[in-house]
């Protein structure tokens, strides 16, 4: 029987590094390149607003708070990522 190979480490690329802020603070998005700009973003409030919009779109039906929050996180982070790469 053949022995399984261990995966090799991939080469480092210029990926964005995003960390979640403390409550009420702003987030700085940094790109791993020397020409990147850093913009403060109130990420939590944007996510909270979008999660509320999803709740209203669902017809104000309770019980989906986690799904709304995670969906809002994905959308807001994708939007921030897209703006930073543009």
N, C-alpha and C. Protein backbone atom coordinates (compact mmCIF):
# COMPACT_ATOMS: atom_id res chain seq x y z
N UNK A 1 0.85 -1.18 0.00
CA UNK A 1 0.00 0.00 0.00
C UNK A 1 0.90 1.24 0.00
N UNK A 2 0.55 2.23 -0.80
CA UNK A 2 1.35 3.44 -0.92
C UNK A 2 1.19 4.31 0.32
N UNK A 3 2.28 4.94 0.68
CA UNK A 3 2.27 5.83 1.84
C UNK A 3 1.76 7.21 1.43
N UNK A 4 0.92 7.82 2.25
CA UNK A 4 0.36 9.14 1.94
C UNK A 4 1.44 10.19 2.07
N UNK A 5 1.44 11.12 1.13
CA UNK A 5 2.41 12.21 1.16
C UNK A 5 1.88 13.32 2.05
N UNK A 6 2.79 14.01 2.72
CA UNK A 6 2.39 15.15 3.52
C UNK A 6 2.34 16.37 2.61
N UNK A 7 1.38 17.25 2.84
CA UNK A 7 1.27 18.44 1.98
C UNK A 7 2.46 19.36 2.18
N UNK A 8 2.86 20.01 1.10
CA UNK A 8 3.97 20.96 1.18
C UNK A 8 3.41 22.35 1.46
N UNK A 9 4.22 23.17 2.08
CA UNK A 9 3.80 24.54 2.39
C UNK A 9 3.74 25.35 1.11
N UNK A 10 2.69 26.13 0.94
CA UNK A 10 2.56 26.95 -0.26
C UNK A 10 3.38 28.22 -0.09
N UNK A 11 3.74 28.82 -1.22
CA UNK A 11 4.53 30.05 -1.20
C UNK A 11 3.67 31.20 -0.70
N UNK A 12 4.31 32.14 -0.04
CA UNK A 12 3.62 33.31 0.49
C UNK A 12 3.21 34.24 -0.64
N UNK A 13 1.99 34.77 -0.57
CA UNK A 13 1.51 35.72 -1.56
C UNK A 13 1.09 36.99 -0.86
N UNK A 14 0.78 38.00 -1.63
CA UNK A 14 0.33 39.28 -1.06
C UNK A 14 -1.15 39.20 -0.74
N UNK A 15 -1.48 38.64 0.40
CA UNK A 15 -2.87 38.52 0.83
C UNK A 15 -3.18 39.60 1.84
N UNK A 16 -4.46 39.95 1.92
CA UNK A 16 -4.88 40.93 2.91
C UNK A 16 -4.97 40.28 4.28
N UNK A 17 -4.65 41.05 5.28
CA UNK A 17 -4.76 40.59 6.66
C UNK A 17 -5.84 41.43 7.32
N UNK A 18 -6.92 40.78 7.77
CA UNK A 18 -8.01 41.49 8.42
C UNK A 18 -8.23 40.86 9.78
N UNK A 19 -8.23 41.68 10.81
CA UNK A 19 -8.49 41.19 12.15
C UNK A 19 -9.75 41.86 12.67
N UNK A 20 -10.48 41.15 13.48
CA UNK A 20 -11.72 41.69 14.04
C UNK A 20 -11.39 42.69 15.14
N UNK A 21 -12.07 43.83 15.17
CA UNK A 21 -11.81 44.85 16.18
C UNK A 21 -12.52 44.55 17.48
N UNK A 22 -12.10 45.25 18.54
CA UNK A 22 -12.84 45.20 19.79
C UNK A 22 -14.14 45.96 19.58
N UNK A 23 -15.10 45.73 20.42
CA UNK A 23 -16.40 46.39 20.29
C UNK A 23 -16.24 47.90 20.30
N UNK A 24 -16.82 48.56 19.32
CA UNK A 24 -16.80 50.00 19.26
C UNK A 24 -15.54 50.61 18.68
N UNK A 25 -14.56 49.79 18.33
CA UNK A 25 -13.32 50.35 17.79
C UNK A 25 -13.35 50.30 16.26
N UNK A 26 -12.35 50.87 15.65
CA UNK A 26 -12.26 50.83 14.20
C UNK A 26 -11.24 49.79 13.79
N UNK A 27 -11.37 49.30 12.58
CA UNK A 27 -10.49 48.28 12.04
C UNK A 27 -9.61 48.88 10.97
N UNK A 28 -8.36 48.47 10.94
CA UNK A 28 -7.49 48.90 9.87
C UNK A 28 -7.20 47.71 8.99
N UNK A 29 -7.40 47.87 7.69
CA UNK A 29 -7.15 46.81 6.74
C UNK A 29 -5.80 47.09 6.12
N UNK A 30 -4.91 46.11 6.20
CA UNK A 30 -3.57 46.29 5.66
C UNK A 30 -3.32 45.25 4.58
N UNK A 31 -2.70 45.66 3.52
CA UNK A 31 -2.32 44.75 2.46
C UNK A 31 -0.83 44.52 2.58
N UNK A 32 -0.39 43.29 2.38
CA UNK A 32 1.01 42.96 2.55
C UNK A 32 1.86 43.41 1.38
N UNK A 33 1.85 44.67 1.07
CA UNK A 33 2.73 45.23 0.05
C UNK A 33 3.11 46.63 0.47
N UNK A 34 4.22 47.10 -0.03
CA UNK A 34 4.72 48.40 0.41
C UNK A 34 3.87 49.56 -0.08
N UNK A 35 3.10 49.40 -1.17
CA UNK A 35 2.31 50.49 -1.71
C UNK A 35 0.87 50.51 -1.21
N UNK A 36 0.54 49.64 -0.26
CA UNK A 36 -0.84 49.55 0.23
C UNK A 36 -1.19 50.75 1.11
N UNK A 37 -2.45 51.14 1.04
CA UNK A 37 -2.94 52.20 1.90
C UNK A 37 -3.72 51.59 3.04
N UNK A 38 -3.78 52.27 4.16
CA UNK A 38 -4.49 51.78 5.33
C UNK A 38 -5.65 52.72 5.58
N UNK A 39 -6.86 52.16 5.63
CA UNK A 39 -8.05 52.98 5.84
C UNK A 39 -8.79 52.47 7.08
N UNK A 40 -9.12 53.35 8.02
CA UNK A 40 -9.89 52.91 9.18
C UNK A 40 -11.34 52.61 8.76
N UNK A 41 -11.85 51.53 9.29
CA UNK A 41 -13.20 51.10 8.92
C UNK A 41 -13.93 50.70 10.20
N UNK A 42 -15.15 51.17 10.37
CA UNK A 42 -15.96 50.74 11.50
C UNK A 42 -16.71 49.49 11.06
N UNK A 43 -15.99 48.40 11.05
CA UNK A 43 -16.49 47.15 10.49
C UNK A 43 -17.68 46.59 11.26
N UNK A 44 -17.61 46.63 12.58
CA UNK A 44 -18.69 46.05 13.38
C UNK A 44 -20.03 46.74 13.11
N UNK A 45 -20.04 48.05 13.01
CA UNK A 45 -21.31 48.74 12.77
C UNK A 45 -21.85 48.44 11.38
N UNK A 46 -20.95 48.28 10.40
CA UNK A 46 -21.39 47.93 9.04
C UNK A 46 -22.00 46.52 9.03
N UNK A 47 -21.38 45.60 9.75
CA UNK A 47 -21.91 44.23 9.83
C UNK A 47 -23.25 44.23 10.55
N UNK A 48 -23.33 44.97 11.66
CA UNK A 48 -24.58 45.04 12.43
C UNK A 48 -25.71 45.60 11.58
N UNK A 49 -25.42 46.66 10.81
CA UNK A 49 -26.43 47.27 9.95
C UNK A 49 -26.90 46.29 8.88
N UNK A 50 -25.95 45.60 8.25
CA UNK A 50 -26.33 44.64 7.19
C UNK A 50 -27.11 43.46 7.77
N UNK A 51 -26.73 43.00 8.96
CA UNK A 51 -27.45 41.89 9.60
C UNK A 51 -28.90 42.31 9.89
N UNK A 52 -29.09 43.55 10.31
CA UNK A 52 -30.44 44.05 10.54
C UNK A 52 -31.22 44.12 9.24
N UNK A 53 -30.57 44.56 8.17
CA UNK A 53 -31.24 44.60 6.86
C UNK A 53 -31.67 43.20 6.43
N UNK A 54 -30.83 42.21 6.66
CA UNK A 54 -31.19 40.82 6.32
C UNK A 54 -32.39 40.36 7.15
N UNK A 55 -32.41 40.73 8.43
CA UNK A 55 -33.52 40.41 9.32
C UNK A 55 -34.83 41.01 8.79
N UNK A 56 -34.78 42.26 8.38
CA UNK A 56 -35.98 42.94 7.85
C UNK A 56 -36.40 42.30 6.53
N UNK A 57 -35.42 41.97 5.66
CA UNK A 57 -35.74 41.32 4.39
C UNK A 57 -36.43 39.98 4.60
N UNK A 58 -36.10 39.30 5.71
CA UNK A 58 -36.70 38.01 6.03
C UNK A 58 -38.10 38.19 6.61
N UNK A 59 -38.54 39.42 6.82
CA UNK A 59 -39.87 39.68 7.36
C UNK A 59 -39.89 39.79 8.86
N UNK A 60 -38.77 40.24 9.46
CA UNK A 60 -38.64 40.41 10.91
C UNK A 60 -38.89 39.11 11.67
N UNK A 61 -38.53 37.99 11.05
CA UNK A 61 -38.72 36.69 11.67
C UNK A 61 -37.54 36.38 12.58
N UNK A 62 -37.79 36.19 13.88
CA UNK A 62 -36.69 35.90 14.81
C UNK A 62 -36.19 34.46 14.64
N UNK A 63 -35.01 34.18 15.21
CA UNK A 63 -34.47 32.82 15.19
C UNK A 63 -33.37 32.60 14.18
N UNK A 64 -33.01 33.62 13.43
CA UNK A 64 -31.97 33.47 12.41
C UNK A 64 -30.83 34.48 12.63
N UNK A 65 -30.64 34.89 13.88
CA UNK A 65 -29.66 35.93 14.18
C UNK A 65 -28.25 35.55 13.77
N UNK A 66 -27.84 34.32 14.08
CA UNK A 66 -26.48 33.88 13.74
C UNK A 66 -26.28 33.83 12.23
N UNK A 67 -27.26 33.29 11.52
CA UNK A 67 -27.14 33.22 10.06
C UNK A 67 -27.07 34.62 9.45
N UNK A 68 -27.91 35.54 9.96
CA UNK A 68 -27.89 36.91 9.47
C UNK A 68 -26.54 37.56 9.72
N UNK A 69 -25.99 37.35 10.92
CA UNK A 69 -24.71 37.97 11.26
C UNK A 69 -23.59 37.41 10.37
N UNK A 70 -23.55 36.09 10.21
CA UNK A 70 -22.49 35.49 9.40
C UNK A 70 -22.60 35.90 7.93
N UNK A 71 -23.82 35.97 7.42
CA UNK A 71 -24.02 36.43 6.04
C UNK A 71 -23.58 37.88 5.90
N UNK A 72 -23.93 38.71 6.87
CA UNK A 72 -23.53 40.12 6.83
C UNK A 72 -22.02 40.25 6.90
N UNK A 73 -21.37 39.45 7.72
CA UNK A 73 -19.90 39.45 7.80
C UNK A 73 -19.28 39.13 6.46
N UNK A 74 -19.78 38.08 5.83
CA UNK A 74 -19.24 37.69 4.51
C UNK A 74 -19.39 38.82 3.50
N UNK A 75 -20.57 39.42 3.46
CA UNK A 75 -20.83 40.48 2.49
C UNK A 75 -19.96 41.72 2.74
N UNK A 76 -19.90 42.14 4.00
CA UNK A 76 -19.14 43.36 4.32
C UNK A 76 -17.65 43.13 4.09
N UNK A 77 -17.12 41.99 4.52
CA UNK A 77 -15.70 41.72 4.32
C UNK A 77 -15.37 41.60 2.83
N UNK A 78 -16.26 41.01 2.05
CA UNK A 78 -16.03 40.91 0.61
C UNK A 78 -16.02 42.30 -0.02
N UNK A 79 -16.93 43.16 0.42
CA UNK A 79 -16.99 44.53 -0.09
C UNK A 79 -15.72 45.30 0.27
N UNK A 80 -15.26 45.15 1.51
CA UNK A 80 -14.03 45.83 1.93
C UNK A 80 -12.84 45.31 1.13
N UNK A 81 -12.78 44.00 0.96
CA UNK A 81 -11.69 43.39 0.19
C UNK A 81 -11.70 43.91 -1.25
N UNK A 82 -12.87 43.99 -1.83
CA UNK A 82 -13.00 44.46 -3.22
C UNK A 82 -12.57 45.93 -3.33
N UNK A 83 -12.94 46.75 -2.37
CA UNK A 83 -12.56 48.17 -2.39
C UNK A 83 -11.06 48.35 -2.20
N UNK A 84 -10.45 47.50 -1.39
CA UNK A 84 -9.01 47.61 -1.13
C UNK A 84 -8.18 47.17 -2.34
N UNK A 85 -8.71 46.24 -3.14
CA UNK A 85 -7.95 45.76 -4.30
C UNK A 85 -8.22 46.61 -5.53
N UNK A 86 -9.24 47.44 -5.50
CA UNK A 86 -9.57 48.28 -6.66
C UNK A 86 -8.69 49.48 -6.77
